[in-house]
């Protein structure tokens, strides 16, 4: 069994340690073996780092232009009952009756 971690770039298990770096011969990716691999945080967080959950009320922190529309979401707009999506960087909500997906970096709880 391979005691080395899978390649973070191509997820192949065929990796080896060459003395200073861990190497993947399949894609050629090299990374520092001494660095602890950070587990991806899939918790949705607002611009201040507060954890978001389904049904939360948030406030928009920046004027946002809506793509494909002349609509602008003004700074300070309160959004009620957000719904989390599969992407932790986005939430689904309704503003003025329109279903919109917003980036969490433009929201605060």
N, C-alpha and C. Protein backbone atom coordinates (compact mmCIF):
# COMPACT_ATOMS: atom_id res chain seq x y z
N UNK A 1 0.84 -1.17 0.00
CA UNK A 1 0.00 0.00 0.00
C UNK A 1 0.89 1.24 0.00
N UNK A 2 0.48 2.25 -0.72
CA UNK A 2 1.24 3.48 -0.83
C UNK A 2 1.08 4.30 0.44
N UNK A 3 2.21 4.64 1.11
CA UNK A 3 2.14 5.42 2.32
C UNK A 3 2.19 6.92 2.05
N UNK A 4 2.32 7.31 0.79
CA UNK A 4 2.38 8.71 0.41
C UNK A 4 0.99 9.21 0.03
N UNK A 5 0.73 10.51 0.22
CA UNK A 5 -0.60 11.05 -0.09
C UNK A 5 -0.88 11.07 -1.58
N UNK A 6 -2.15 11.09 -1.93
CA UNK A 6 -2.54 11.21 -3.33
C UNK A 6 -2.16 12.59 -3.85
N UNK A 7 -1.98 12.69 -5.14
CA UNK A 7 -1.63 13.96 -5.76
C UNK A 7 -2.81 14.93 -5.62
N UNK A 8 -2.58 16.15 -5.11
CA UNK A 8 -3.67 17.11 -4.98
C UNK A 8 -4.15 17.66 -6.32
N UNK A 9 -3.36 17.50 -7.37
CA UNK A 9 -3.74 18.03 -8.68
C UNK A 9 -4.56 17.04 -9.49
N UNK A 10 -4.11 15.76 -9.55
CA UNK A 10 -4.81 14.77 -10.39
C UNK A 10 -5.43 13.63 -9.59
N UNK A 11 -5.22 13.61 -8.27
CA UNK A 11 -5.78 12.60 -7.36
C UNK A 11 -5.29 11.18 -7.62
N UNK A 12 -4.17 11.02 -8.30
CA UNK A 12 -3.61 9.69 -8.53
C UNK A 12 -2.80 9.27 -7.29
N UNK A 13 -2.78 7.96 -7.04
CA UNK A 13 -2.07 7.42 -5.87
C UNK A 13 -0.62 7.09 -6.15
N UNK A 14 -0.19 7.19 -7.39
CA UNK A 14 1.16 6.83 -7.79
C UNK A 14 2.13 7.98 -7.49
N UNK A 15 2.40 8.25 -6.20
CA UNK A 15 3.30 9.33 -5.81
C UNK A 15 4.50 8.77 -5.06
N UNK A 16 5.57 9.56 -5.02
CA UNK A 16 6.77 9.14 -4.29
C UNK A 16 7.46 10.37 -3.71
N UNK A 17 8.32 10.12 -2.72
CA UNK A 17 9.07 11.17 -2.06
C UNK A 17 10.48 11.15 -2.60
N UNK A 18 10.99 12.29 -3.11
CA UNK A 18 12.33 12.32 -3.70
C UNK A 18 13.38 12.94 -2.79
N UNK A 19 13.08 13.11 -1.53
CA UNK A 19 14.05 13.66 -0.59
C UNK A 19 13.61 14.99 -0.01
N UNK A 20 13.07 15.87 -0.85
CA UNK A 20 12.58 17.16 -0.37
C UNK A 20 11.13 17.42 -0.76
N UNK A 21 10.70 16.84 -1.86
CA UNK A 21 9.36 17.08 -2.38
C UNK A 21 8.65 15.76 -2.64
N UNK A 22 7.33 15.78 -2.59
CA UNK A 22 6.54 14.64 -3.02
C UNK A 22 6.20 14.88 -4.48
N UNK A 23 6.34 13.85 -5.32
CA UNK A 23 6.22 14.00 -6.76
C UNK A 23 5.15 13.05 -7.28
N UNK A 24 4.38 13.53 -8.26
CA UNK A 24 3.42 12.69 -8.97
C UNK A 24 3.96 12.48 -10.38
N UNK A 25 4.38 11.26 -10.74
CA UNK A 25 4.92 11.04 -12.08
C UNK A 25 3.85 11.09 -13.17
N UNK A 26 2.58 10.96 -12.80
CA UNK A 26 1.52 10.97 -13.81
C UNK A 26 1.30 12.35 -14.40
N UNK A 27 1.24 13.40 -13.54
CA UNK A 27 0.99 14.75 -14.05
C UNK A 27 2.20 15.67 -13.89
N UNK A 28 3.24 15.22 -13.15
CA UNK A 28 4.44 16.01 -12.96
C UNK A 28 4.34 17.03 -11.84
N UNK A 29 3.26 17.01 -11.08
CA UNK A 29 3.08 17.97 -9.99
C UNK A 29 4.01 17.62 -8.83
N UNK A 30 4.62 18.65 -8.23
CA UNK A 30 5.47 18.48 -7.05
C UNK A 30 4.95 19.39 -5.95
N UNK A 31 4.96 18.91 -4.70
CA UNK A 31 4.54 19.72 -3.58
C UNK A 31 5.36 19.38 -2.36
N UNK A 32 5.38 20.30 -1.40
CA UNK A 32 6.18 20.17 -0.20
C UNK A 32 5.57 19.10 0.70
N UNK A 33 6.34 18.07 0.99
CA UNK A 33 5.84 16.96 1.78
C UNK A 33 5.68 17.32 3.24
N UNK A 34 6.44 18.29 3.74
CA UNK A 34 6.36 18.65 5.15
C UNK A 34 5.14 19.52 5.45
N UNK A 35 4.58 20.14 4.42
CA UNK A 35 3.40 20.98 4.64
C UNK A 35 2.20 20.10 4.92
N UNK A 36 1.44 20.47 5.91
CA UNK A 36 0.25 19.71 6.25
C UNK A 36 -0.83 20.05 5.24
N UNK A 37 -1.42 19.01 4.66
CA UNK A 37 -2.47 19.24 3.68
C UNK A 37 -3.71 19.75 4.38
N UNK A 38 -4.13 20.93 3.98
CA UNK A 38 -5.31 21.54 4.59
C UNK A 38 -6.56 20.91 3.99
N UNK A 39 -7.48 20.59 4.85
CA UNK A 39 -8.75 20.05 4.40
C UNK A 39 -9.60 21.23 3.93
N UNK A 40 -10.18 21.11 2.76
CA UNK A 40 -10.98 22.19 2.20
C UNK A 40 -12.19 22.45 3.10
N UNK A 41 -12.34 23.70 3.48
CA UNK A 41 -13.47 24.08 4.33
C UNK A 41 -14.68 24.31 3.44
N UNK A 42 -15.66 23.45 3.56
CA UNK A 42 -16.85 23.56 2.73
C UNK A 42 -18.01 24.24 3.46
N UNK A 43 -17.71 24.88 4.58
CA UNK A 43 -18.73 25.59 5.32
C UNK A 43 -18.93 26.97 4.70
N UNK A 44 -20.15 27.30 4.29
CA UNK A 44 -20.38 28.64 3.72
C UNK A 44 -20.20 29.70 4.79
N UNK A 45 -19.44 30.74 4.46
CA UNK A 45 -19.17 31.82 5.41
C UNK A 45 -19.38 33.17 4.72
N UNK A 46 -19.82 34.15 5.50
CA UNK A 46 -20.04 35.49 4.96
C UNK A 46 -18.71 36.24 4.88
N UNK A 47 -18.77 37.52 4.54
CA UNK A 47 -17.54 38.30 4.37
C UNK A 47 -16.76 38.47 5.66
N UNK A 48 -17.43 38.34 6.81
CA UNK A 48 -16.75 38.46 8.10
C UNK A 48 -16.33 37.12 8.69
N UNK A 49 -16.64 36.03 8.00
CA UNK A 49 -16.25 34.71 8.47
C UNK A 49 -17.31 34.00 9.29
N UNK A 50 -18.49 34.61 9.45
CA UNK A 50 -19.57 33.97 10.20
C UNK A 50 -20.18 32.86 9.35
N UNK A 51 -20.49 31.75 9.99
CA UNK A 51 -21.05 30.60 9.29
C UNK A 51 -22.50 30.89 8.88
N UNK A 52 -22.81 30.57 7.62
CA UNK A 52 -24.16 30.76 7.09
C UNK A 52 -24.92 29.44 7.10
N UNK A 53 -26.23 29.52 7.32
CA UNK A 53 -27.08 28.34 7.31
C UNK A 53 -28.35 28.66 6.53
N UNK A 54 -29.07 27.60 6.10
CA UNK A 54 -30.35 27.79 5.41
C UNK A 54 -31.28 28.61 6.26
N UNK A 55 -31.96 29.58 5.64
CA UNK A 55 -32.94 30.39 6.33
C UNK A 55 -32.40 31.62 7.00
N UNK A 56 -31.09 31.84 6.98
CA UNK A 56 -30.49 33.02 7.60
C UNK A 56 -30.92 34.29 6.86
N UNK A 57 -30.91 35.39 7.56
CA UNK A 57 -31.11 36.71 6.96
C UNK A 57 -29.75 37.38 6.86
N UNK A 58 -29.44 37.95 5.70
CA UNK A 58 -28.14 38.58 5.47
C UNK A 58 -28.35 39.97 4.87
N UNK A 59 -27.28 40.75 4.85
CA UNK A 59 -27.29 42.09 4.28
C UNK A 59 -26.20 42.17 3.21
N UNK A 60 -26.52 42.82 2.09
CA UNK A 60 -25.56 43.01 1.00
C UNK A 60 -24.63 44.15 1.39
N UNK A 61 -23.31 43.96 1.22
CA UNK A 61 -22.33 44.96 1.67
C UNK A 61 -21.79 45.84 0.54
N UNK A 62 -22.24 45.58 -0.71
CA UNK A 62 -21.72 46.33 -1.84
C UNK A 62 -22.80 46.40 -2.92
N UNK A 63 -22.86 47.51 -3.67
CA UNK A 63 -23.79 47.58 -4.79
C UNK A 63 -23.39 46.53 -5.82
N UNK A 64 -24.36 45.71 -6.24
CA UNK A 64 -24.09 44.63 -7.17
C UNK A 64 -24.94 44.77 -8.43
N UNK A 65 -24.30 44.72 -9.59
CA UNK A 65 -25.03 44.71 -10.85
C UNK A 65 -25.41 43.28 -11.15
N UNK A 66 -26.65 43.07 -11.57
CA UNK A 66 -27.14 41.74 -11.90
C UNK A 66 -26.87 41.49 -13.38
N UNK A 67 -26.13 40.41 -13.68
CA UNK A 67 -25.79 40.10 -15.06
C UNK A 67 -27.06 39.81 -15.85
N UNK A 68 -27.12 40.33 -17.08
CA UNK A 68 -28.25 40.07 -17.95
C UNK A 68 -29.48 40.90 -17.61
N UNK A 69 -29.31 41.90 -16.78
CA UNK A 69 -30.42 42.73 -16.35
C UNK A 69 -29.91 44.13 -16.05
N UNK A 70 -30.83 45.09 -16.03
CA UNK A 70 -30.45 46.45 -15.65
C UNK A 70 -30.61 46.66 -14.15
N UNK A 71 -30.98 45.60 -13.45
CA UNK A 71 -31.22 45.66 -12.01
C UNK A 71 -29.91 45.81 -11.23
N UNK A 72 -29.94 46.63 -10.18
CA UNK A 72 -28.80 46.80 -9.28
C UNK A 72 -29.28 46.51 -7.87
N UNK A 73 -28.56 45.65 -7.17
CA UNK A 73 -28.87 45.37 -5.77
C UNK A 73 -28.05 46.34 -4.94
N UNK A 74 -28.73 47.22 -4.24
CA UNK A 74 -28.07 48.28 -3.48
C UNK A 74 -27.44 47.76 -2.19
N UNK A 75 -26.38 48.42 -1.79
CA UNK A 75 -25.71 48.13 -0.52
C UNK A 75 -26.72 48.34 0.61
N UNK A 76 -26.73 47.41 1.57
CA UNK A 76 -27.65 47.52 2.70
C UNK A 76 -28.94 46.77 2.50
N UNK A 77 -29.16 46.19 1.30
CA UNK A 77 -30.37 45.42 1.05
C UNK A 77 -30.39 44.19 1.95
N UNK A 78 -31.50 44.01 2.66
CA UNK A 78 -31.64 42.84 3.53
C UNK A 78 -32.27 41.70 2.74
N UNK A 79 -31.67 40.54 2.85
CA UNK A 79 -32.15 39.35 2.15
C UNK A 79 -32.54 38.33 3.21
N UNK A 80 -33.80 37.89 3.17
CA UNK A 80 -34.29 36.93 4.15
C UNK A 80 -34.32 35.54 3.55
N UNK A 81 -34.21 34.56 4.37
CA UNK A 81 -34.37 33.15 4.00
C UNK A 81 -33.47 32.72 2.84
N UNK A 82 -32.17 32.83 3.03
CA UNK A 82 -31.24 32.35 2.00
C UNK A 82 -31.25 30.83 1.97
N UNK A 83 -30.88 30.26 0.83
CA UNK A 83 -30.76 28.81 0.68
C UNK A 83 -29.33 28.51 0.23
N UNK A 84 -28.70 27.58 0.90
CA UNK A 84 -27.33 27.21 0.55
C UNK A 84 -27.34 26.39 -0.73
N UNK A 85 -26.27 26.51 -1.52
CA UNK A 85 -26.11 25.74 -2.75
C UNK A 85 -25.00 24.73 -2.55
N UNK A 86 -24.73 23.92 -3.57
CA UNK A 86 -23.64 22.95 -3.48
C UNK A 86 -22.29 23.65 -3.41
N UNK A 87 -22.20 24.84 -3.98
CA UNK A 87 -20.97 25.63 -3.94
C UNK A 87 -20.97 26.45 -2.65
N UNK A 88 -19.99 26.28 -1.75
CA UNK A 88 -20.00 27.02 -0.49
C UNK A 88 -19.77 28.52 -0.65
N UNK A 89 -19.41 28.98 -1.84
CA UNK A 89 -19.18 30.40 -2.09
C UNK A 89 -20.42 31.12 -2.61
N UNK A 90 -21.54 30.40 -2.75
CA UNK A 90 -22.75 30.99 -3.32
C UNK A 90 -23.98 30.62 -2.49
N UNK A 91 -24.95 31.53 -2.44
CA UNK A 91 -26.25 31.26 -1.82
C UNK A 91 -27.34 31.66 -2.80
N UNK A 92 -28.48 30.99 -2.69
CA UNK A 92 -29.63 31.26 -3.53
C UNK A 92 -30.62 32.05 -2.70
N UNK A 93 -31.24 33.07 -3.31
CA UNK A 93 -32.20 33.89 -2.57
C UNK A 93 -33.17 34.55 -3.53
N UNK A 94 -34.16 35.25 -2.97
CA UNK A 94 -35.10 36.02 -3.77
C UNK A 94 -35.00 37.48 -3.37
N UNK A 95 -34.84 38.34 -4.38
CA UNK A 95 -34.82 39.78 -4.16
C UNK A 95 -35.82 40.39 -5.13
N UNK A 96 -36.79 41.12 -4.60
CA UNK A 96 -37.86 41.72 -5.40
C UNK A 96 -38.56 40.70 -6.29
N UNK A 97 -38.74 39.48 -5.78
CA UNK A 97 -39.45 38.44 -6.51
C UNK A 97 -38.61 37.69 -7.53
N UNK A 98 -37.35 38.08 -7.71
CA UNK A 98 -36.46 37.42 -8.67
C UNK A 98 -35.52 36.47 -7.93
N UNK A 99 -35.40 35.23 -8.42
CA UNK A 99 -34.45 34.28 -7.86
C UNK A 99 -33.05 34.64 -8.30
N UNK A 100 -32.15 34.84 -7.35
CA UNK A 100 -30.79 35.29 -7.65
C UNK A 100 -29.80 34.47 -6.83
N UNK A 101 -28.64 34.21 -7.41
CA UNK A 101 -27.54 33.56 -6.70
C UNK A 101 -26.51 34.64 -6.38
N UNK A 102 -26.16 34.75 -5.10
CA UNK A 102 -25.19 35.76 -4.66
C UNK A 102 -23.93 35.10 -4.11
N UNK A 103 -22.80 35.75 -4.32
CA UNK A 103 -21.54 35.30 -3.73
C UNK A 103 -21.54 35.66 -2.25
N UNK A 104 -21.06 34.74 -1.43
CA UNK A 104 -21.05 34.97 0.02
C UNK A 104 -20.08 36.08 0.42
N UNK A 105 -19.10 36.39 -0.41
CA UNK A 105 -18.13 37.44 -0.07
C UNK A 105 -18.77 38.84 -0.09
N UNK A 106 -19.99 38.97 -0.64
CA UNK A 106 -20.68 40.25 -0.67
C UNK A 106 -21.82 40.31 0.35
N UNK A 107 -21.84 39.38 1.30
CA UNK A 107 -22.90 39.31 2.29
C UNK A 107 -22.34 39.37 3.71
N UNK A 108 -23.16 39.87 4.64
CA UNK A 108 -22.81 39.78 6.05
C UNK A 108 -24.07 39.38 6.82
N UNK A 109 -23.86 38.61 7.86
CA UNK A 109 -24.96 38.08 8.65
C UNK A 109 -25.51 39.13 9.57
